[in-house]
Amino acid sequence: MQHGDHISNVTGHVFSRVEKAEAGDYYAAGPPQDPRALELQSRMEELERQIAQYAVTLPNAGQLRELTEALNAQLQQGRPNRTIVRSLLDSLTAGAGGVAAVLSAVNGVAALIP
């Protein structure tokens, strides 16, 4: 993600991260963010970083990126399909193989999903 990007969190509220914001600048945002949703978003970003960092080591990095995108899309929905979310997490776990950092990132996401 780059500065100035507009993203949605898992609760569906859009907010912006602005580069070089000055004190007194006003930026409209959605309702206050749920701390749990922000933590989940942070862990999803960490998973994406780990997959990118270990792409050469992972035999199926492209597939893991697609699974991560699908998981993120499910989590963006108002009512994510629990069966699909669990299936995506299982596939990400299996695809992480022996790369501990990627597996740890997947487990970090899974820990926040009831």
N, C-alpha and C. Protein backbone atom coordinates (compact mmCIF):
# COMPACT_ATOMS: atom_id res chain seq x y z
N MET A 1 0.85 -1.17 0.00
CA MET A 1 0.00 0.00 0.00
C MET A 1 0.90 1.23 0.00
N GLN A 2 0.51 2.25 -0.73
CA GLN A 2 1.28 3.46 -0.81
C GLN A 2 0.54 4.58 -0.11
N HIS A 3 1.30 5.61 0.28
CA HIS A 3 0.66 6.77 0.91
C HIS A 3 -0.33 7.37 -0.05
N GLY A 4 -1.45 7.82 0.49
CA GLY A 4 -2.48 8.42 -0.32
C GLY A 4 -3.51 7.43 -0.84
N ASP A 5 -3.29 6.15 -0.61
CA ASP A 5 -4.23 5.14 -1.07
C ASP A 5 -5.52 5.24 -0.27
N HIS A 6 -6.60 4.88 -0.91
CA HIS A 6 -7.89 4.77 -0.24
C HIS A 6 -8.17 3.29 -0.08
N ILE A 7 -8.45 2.88 1.13
CA ILE A 7 -8.70 1.47 1.38
C ILE A 7 -9.94 1.32 2.25
N SER A 8 -10.49 0.12 2.24
CA SER A 8 -11.62 -0.17 3.11
C SER A 8 -11.16 -1.15 4.17
N ASN A 9 -11.64 -0.98 5.37
CA ASN A 9 -11.32 -1.95 6.40
C ASN A 9 -12.38 -3.04 6.39
N VAL A 10 -12.25 -4.00 7.26
CA VAL A 10 -13.16 -5.13 7.25
C VAL A 10 -14.59 -4.77 7.66
N THR A 11 -14.79 -3.57 8.18
CA THR A 11 -16.15 -3.15 8.49
C THR A 11 -16.77 -2.41 7.33
N GLY A 12 -16.00 -2.20 6.25
CA GLY A 12 -16.53 -1.57 5.06
C GLY A 12 -16.45 -0.06 5.03
N HIS A 13 -15.86 0.57 6.03
CA HIS A 13 -15.75 2.02 6.05
C HIS A 13 -14.46 2.42 5.33
N VAL A 14 -14.57 3.41 4.49
CA VAL A 14 -13.42 3.85 3.71
C VAL A 14 -12.68 4.93 4.48
N PHE A 15 -11.37 4.88 4.42
CA PHE A 15 -10.56 5.92 5.01
C PHE A 15 -9.32 6.10 4.15
N SER A 16 -8.63 7.19 4.35
CA SER A 16 -7.45 7.49 3.54
C SER A 16 -6.24 7.64 4.44
N ARG A 17 -5.10 7.23 3.90
CA ARG A 17 -3.83 7.50 4.56
C ARG A 17 -3.18 8.57 3.71
N VAL A 18 -2.91 9.73 4.29
CA VAL A 18 -2.45 10.87 3.52
C VAL A 18 -0.98 11.14 3.82
N GLU A 19 -0.21 11.30 2.76
CA GLU A 19 1.20 11.60 2.91
C GLU A 19 1.37 13.06 3.29
N LYS A 20 2.26 13.33 4.22
CA LYS A 20 2.62 14.68 4.64
C LYS A 20 1.44 15.48 5.17
N ALA A 21 0.59 14.86 5.97
CA ALA A 21 -0.52 15.59 6.58
C ALA A 21 0.05 16.57 7.59
N GLU A 22 -0.51 17.74 7.66
CA GLU A 22 -0.07 18.78 8.58
C GLU A 22 -1.06 18.87 9.74
N ALA A 23 -0.58 19.34 10.87
CA ALA A 23 -1.47 19.56 12.00
C ALA A 23 -2.56 20.55 11.57
N GLY A 24 -3.79 20.27 11.91
CA GLY A 24 -4.90 21.13 11.56
C GLY A 24 -5.58 20.74 10.25
N ASP A 25 -4.94 19.86 9.44
CA ASP A 25 -5.59 19.40 8.22
C ASP A 25 -6.78 18.54 8.61
N TYR A 26 -7.83 18.59 7.83
CA TYR A 26 -9.03 17.82 8.12
C TYR A 26 -9.26 16.83 6.99
N TYR A 27 -9.43 15.58 7.35
CA TYR A 27 -9.71 14.53 6.38
C TYR A 27 -10.92 13.76 6.87
N ALA A 28 -11.95 13.71 6.06
CA ALA A 28 -13.17 13.00 6.43
C ALA A 28 -12.90 11.51 6.43
N ALA A 29 -13.47 10.83 7.37
CA ALA A 29 -13.34 9.38 7.46
C ALA A 29 -14.69 8.82 7.89
N GLY A 30 -14.81 7.52 7.81
CA GLY A 30 -16.02 6.86 8.25
C GLY A 30 -16.12 6.90 9.76
N PRO A 31 -17.08 6.17 10.30
CA PRO A 31 -17.24 6.10 11.76
C PRO A 31 -15.97 5.59 12.41
N PRO A 32 -15.81 5.80 13.70
CA PRO A 32 -14.60 5.33 14.39
C PRO A 32 -14.35 3.85 14.08
N GLN A 33 -13.10 3.52 13.91
CA GLN A 33 -12.73 2.16 13.52
C GLN A 33 -12.76 1.22 14.72
N ASP A 34 -13.26 0.03 14.49
CA ASP A 34 -13.27 -1.02 15.48
C ASP A 34 -11.83 -1.51 15.65
N PRO A 35 -11.28 -1.49 16.86
CA PRO A 35 -9.89 -1.90 17.06
C PRO A 35 -9.62 -3.33 16.56
N ARG A 36 -10.58 -4.20 16.70
CA ARG A 36 -10.41 -5.57 16.22
C ARG A 36 -10.31 -5.62 14.69
N ALA A 37 -11.13 -4.80 14.03
CA ALA A 37 -11.09 -4.72 12.57
C ALA A 37 -9.76 -4.16 12.10
N LEU A 38 -9.26 -3.15 12.79
CA LEU A 38 -7.96 -2.57 12.43
C LEU A 38 -6.84 -3.58 12.62
N GLU A 39 -6.91 -4.38 13.67
CA GLU A 39 -5.89 -5.40 13.92
C GLU A 39 -5.95 -6.47 12.82
N LEU A 40 -7.14 -6.86 12.43
CA LEU A 40 -7.28 -7.85 11.36
C LEU A 40 -6.72 -7.29 10.06
N GLN A 41 -7.01 -6.04 9.77
CA GLN A 41 -6.47 -5.40 8.57
C GLN A 41 -4.94 -5.40 8.61
N SER A 42 -4.39 -5.08 9.76
CA SER A 42 -2.93 -5.06 9.92
C SER A 42 -2.34 -6.45 9.68
N ARG A 43 -2.99 -7.46 10.19
CA ARG A 43 -2.48 -8.83 10.01
C ARG A 43 -2.62 -9.30 8.57
N MET A 44 -3.67 -8.86 7.88
CA MET A 44 -3.79 -9.19 6.46
C MET A 44 -2.66 -8.53 5.67
N GLU A 45 -2.34 -7.30 6.00
CA GLU A 45 -1.23 -6.62 5.34
C GLU A 45 0.09 -7.33 5.61
N GLU A 46 0.26 -7.82 6.83
CA GLU A 46 1.48 -8.57 7.18
C GLU A 46 1.55 -9.85 6.37
N LEU A 47 0.44 -10.53 6.21
CA LEU A 47 0.42 -11.75 5.39
C LEU A 47 0.84 -11.44 3.96
N GLU A 48 0.31 -10.37 3.41
CA GLU A 48 0.68 -9.97 2.05
C GLU A 48 2.17 -9.67 1.95
N ARG A 49 2.73 -8.98 2.95
CA ARG A 49 4.17 -8.66 2.96
C ARG A 49 5.01 -9.93 3.02
N GLN A 50 4.60 -10.88 3.87
CA GLN A 50 5.38 -12.11 4.01
C GLN A 50 5.35 -12.94 2.73
N ILE A 51 4.21 -13.01 2.08
CA ILE A 51 4.12 -13.75 0.82
C ILE A 51 5.03 -13.09 -0.22
N ALA A 52 5.02 -11.75 -0.28
CA ALA A 52 5.89 -11.04 -1.22
C ALA A 52 7.36 -11.26 -0.88
N GLN A 53 7.69 -11.21 0.40
CA GLN A 53 9.09 -11.36 0.81
C GLN A 53 9.63 -12.76 0.50
N TYR A 54 8.81 -13.78 0.65
CA TYR A 54 9.25 -15.17 0.46
C TYR A 54 8.75 -15.77 -0.86
N ALA A 55 8.39 -14.91 -1.80
CA ALA A 55 7.84 -15.39 -3.08
C ALA A 55 8.78 -16.37 -3.78
N VAL A 56 10.07 -16.15 -3.70
CA VAL A 56 11.03 -17.03 -4.37
C VAL A 56 11.09 -18.39 -3.68
N THR A 57 10.92 -18.41 -2.39
CA THR A 57 10.97 -19.65 -1.60
C THR A 57 9.70 -20.47 -1.72
N LEU A 58 8.57 -19.79 -1.87
CA LEU A 58 7.28 -20.47 -1.94
C LEU A 58 7.05 -21.05 -3.33
N PRO A 59 6.71 -22.32 -3.42
CA PRO A 59 6.49 -22.91 -4.74
C PRO A 59 5.21 -22.40 -5.42
N ASN A 60 4.33 -21.79 -4.66
CA ASN A 60 3.03 -21.37 -5.18
C ASN A 60 2.66 -19.97 -4.71
N ALA A 61 3.61 -19.05 -4.79
CA ALA A 61 3.39 -17.69 -4.28
C ALA A 61 2.21 -17.01 -4.99
N GLY A 62 2.07 -17.22 -6.29
CA GLY A 62 0.96 -16.62 -7.03
C GLY A 62 -0.38 -17.09 -6.51
N GLN A 63 -0.47 -18.37 -6.25
CA GLN A 63 -1.72 -18.93 -5.72
C GLN A 63 -1.99 -18.38 -4.32
N LEU A 64 -0.95 -18.24 -3.50
CA LEU A 64 -1.13 -17.69 -2.16
C LEU A 64 -1.60 -16.24 -2.21
N ARG A 65 -1.09 -15.48 -3.18
CA ARG A 65 -1.56 -14.09 -3.34
C ARG A 65 -3.05 -14.09 -3.72
N GLU A 66 -3.45 -14.98 -4.61
CA GLU A 66 -4.86 -15.07 -5.00
C GLU A 66 -5.74 -15.47 -3.83
N LEU A 67 -5.28 -16.43 -3.04
CA LEU A 67 -6.04 -16.86 -1.86
C LEU A 67 -6.18 -15.71 -0.86
N THR A 68 -5.11 -14.95 -0.68
CA THR A 68 -5.13 -13.81 0.23
C THR A 68 -6.10 -12.75 -0.26
N GLU A 69 -6.11 -12.50 -1.56
CA GLU A 69 -7.06 -11.54 -2.12
C GLU A 69 -8.50 -12.02 -1.92
N ALA A 70 -8.73 -13.31 -2.14
CA ALA A 70 -10.07 -13.87 -1.94
C ALA A 70 -10.50 -13.77 -0.48
N LEU A 71 -9.56 -14.03 0.43
CA LEU A 71 -9.86 -13.92 1.86
C LEU A 71 -10.19 -12.48 2.21
N ASN A 72 -9.40 -11.56 1.72
CA ASN A 72 -9.65 -10.14 1.99
C ASN A 72 -11.02 -9.73 1.44
N ALA A 73 -11.37 -10.21 0.25
CA ALA A 73 -12.68 -9.89 -0.34
C ALA A 73 -13.81 -10.44 0.54
N GLN A 74 -13.65 -11.64 1.05
CA GLN A 74 -14.67 -12.21 1.94
C GLN A 74 -14.81 -11.36 3.20
N LEU A 75 -13.68 -10.96 3.77
CA LEU A 75 -13.70 -10.19 5.01
C LEU A 75 -14.27 -8.79 4.81
N GLN A 76 -14.24 -8.29 3.59
CA GLN A 76 -14.79 -6.97 3.29
C GLN A 76 -16.31 -7.00 3.24
N GLN A 77 -16.89 -8.16 3.04
CA GLN A 77 -18.34 -8.27 2.95
C GLN A 77 -18.98 -8.02 4.31
N GLY A 78 -20.20 -7.56 4.29
CA GLY A 78 -20.93 -7.32 5.53
C GLY A 78 -21.08 -8.58 6.37
N ARG A 79 -21.28 -9.71 5.70
CA ARG A 79 -21.43 -11.00 6.39
C ARG A 79 -20.58 -12.03 5.65
N PRO A 80 -19.28 -12.12 5.98
CA PRO A 80 -18.42 -13.08 5.30
C PRO A 80 -18.94 -14.51 5.47
N ASN A 81 -18.77 -15.32 4.43
CA ASN A 81 -19.17 -16.72 4.48
C ASN A 81 -18.13 -17.47 5.31
N ARG A 82 -18.53 -17.93 6.47
CA ARG A 82 -17.62 -18.58 7.41
C ARG A 82 -16.95 -19.82 6.79
N THR A 83 -17.69 -20.59 6.02
CA THR A 83 -17.15 -21.80 5.39
C THR A 83 -16.06 -21.44 4.39
N ILE A 84 -16.30 -20.42 3.59
CA ILE A 84 -15.30 -19.99 2.61
C ILE A 84 -14.08 -19.42 3.31
N VAL A 85 -14.28 -18.62 4.34
CA VAL A 85 -13.16 -18.04 5.08
C VAL A 85 -12.28 -19.15 5.66
N ARG A 86 -12.89 -20.14 6.30
CA ARG A 86 -12.12 -21.25 6.88
C ARG A 86 -11.39 -22.03 5.80
N SER A 87 -12.04 -22.26 4.68
CA SER A 87 -11.42 -22.98 3.57
C SER A 87 -10.20 -22.22 3.03
N LEU A 88 -10.34 -20.91 2.90
CA LEU A 88 -9.23 -20.09 2.42
C LEU A 88 -8.07 -20.12 3.42
N LEU A 89 -8.39 -20.04 4.70
CA LEU A 89 -7.33 -20.11 5.73
C LEU A 89 -6.64 -21.46 5.70
N ASP A 90 -7.40 -22.54 5.54
CA ASP A 90 -6.80 -23.88 5.44
C ASP A 90 -5.88 -23.98 4.23
N SER A 91 -6.31 -23.43 3.10
CA SER A 91 -5.49 -23.46 1.89
C SER A 91 -4.23 -22.63 2.06
N LEU A 92 -4.35 -21.48 2.71
CA LEU A 92 -3.17 -20.65 2.96
C LEU A 92 -2.19 -21.36 3.89
N THR A 93 -2.72 -22.04 4.90
CA THR A 93 -1.86 -22.79 5.83
C THR A 93 -1.12 -23.88 5.09
N ALA A 94 -1.82 -24.63 4.28
CA ALA A 94 -1.19 -25.71 3.51
C ALA A 94 -0.16 -25.15 2.53
N GLY A 95 -0.48 -24.02 1.89
CA GLY A 95 0.41 -23.43 0.90
C GLY A 95 1.65 -22.78 1.49
N ALA A 96 1.58 -22.44 2.78
CA ALA A 96 2.73 -21.80 3.42
C ALA A 96 3.91 -22.76 3.51
N GLY A 97 3.61 -24.06 3.43
CA GLY A 97 4.69 -25.05 3.46
C GLY A 97 5.58 -24.88 4.67
N GLY A 98 6.87 -24.93 4.43
CA GLY A 98 7.83 -24.84 5.52
C GLY A 98 8.32 -23.42 5.79
N VAL A 99 7.64 -22.42 5.25
CA VAL A 99 8.06 -21.04 5.46
C VAL A 99 7.38 -20.51 6.72
N ALA A 100 8.14 -20.54 7.81
CA ALA A 100 7.59 -20.21 9.12
C ALA A 100 6.99 -18.81 9.18
N ALA A 101 7.60 -17.84 8.54
CA ALA A 101 7.11 -16.46 8.61
C ALA A 101 5.74 -16.34 7.95
N VAL A 102 5.54 -17.03 6.84
CA VAL A 102 4.24 -17.00 6.15
C VAL A 102 3.21 -17.74 6.99
N LEU A 103 3.57 -18.89 7.50
CA LEU A 103 2.66 -19.65 8.35
C LEU A 103 2.27 -18.85 9.58
N SER A 104 3.21 -18.17 10.17
CA SER A 104 2.93 -17.33 11.34
C SER A 104 1.95 -16.21 10.99
N ALA A 105 2.13 -15.62 9.81
CA ALA A 105 1.22 -14.55 9.37
C ALA A 105 -0.19 -15.10 9.15
N VAL A 106 -0.30 -16.29 8.55
CA VAL A 106 -1.62 -16.91 8.35
C VAL A 106 -2.26 -17.18 9.71
N ASN A 107 -1.49 -17.72 10.63
CA ASN A 107 -2.02 -18.01 11.97
C ASN A 107 -2.44 -16.73 12.69
N GLY A 108 -1.73 -15.65 12.45
CA GLY A 108 -2.10 -14.36 13.06
C GLY A 108 -3.45 -13.87 12.58
N VAL A 109 -3.72 -14.07 11.30
CA VAL A 109 -5.04 -13.71 10.75
C VAL A 109 -6.11 -14.63 11.33
N ALA A 110 -5.83 -15.94 11.29
CA ALA A 110 -6.80 -16.93 11.76
C ALA A 110 -7.18 -16.70 13.23
N ALA A 111 -6.24 -16.25 14.02
CA ALA A 111 -6.50 -16.04 15.45
C ALA A 111 -7.55 -14.96 15.69
N LEU A 112 -7.73 -14.07 14.76
CA LEU A 112 -8.71 -12.98 14.94
C LEU A 112 -10.08 -13.29 14.33
N ILE A 113 -10.19 -14.43 13.69
CA ILE A 113 -11.47 -14.79 13.07
C ILE A 113 -12.18 -15.81 13.93
N PRO A 114 -13.36 -15.43 14.44
CA PRO A 114 -14.09 -16.34 15.34
C PRO A 114 -14.57 -17.60 14.64
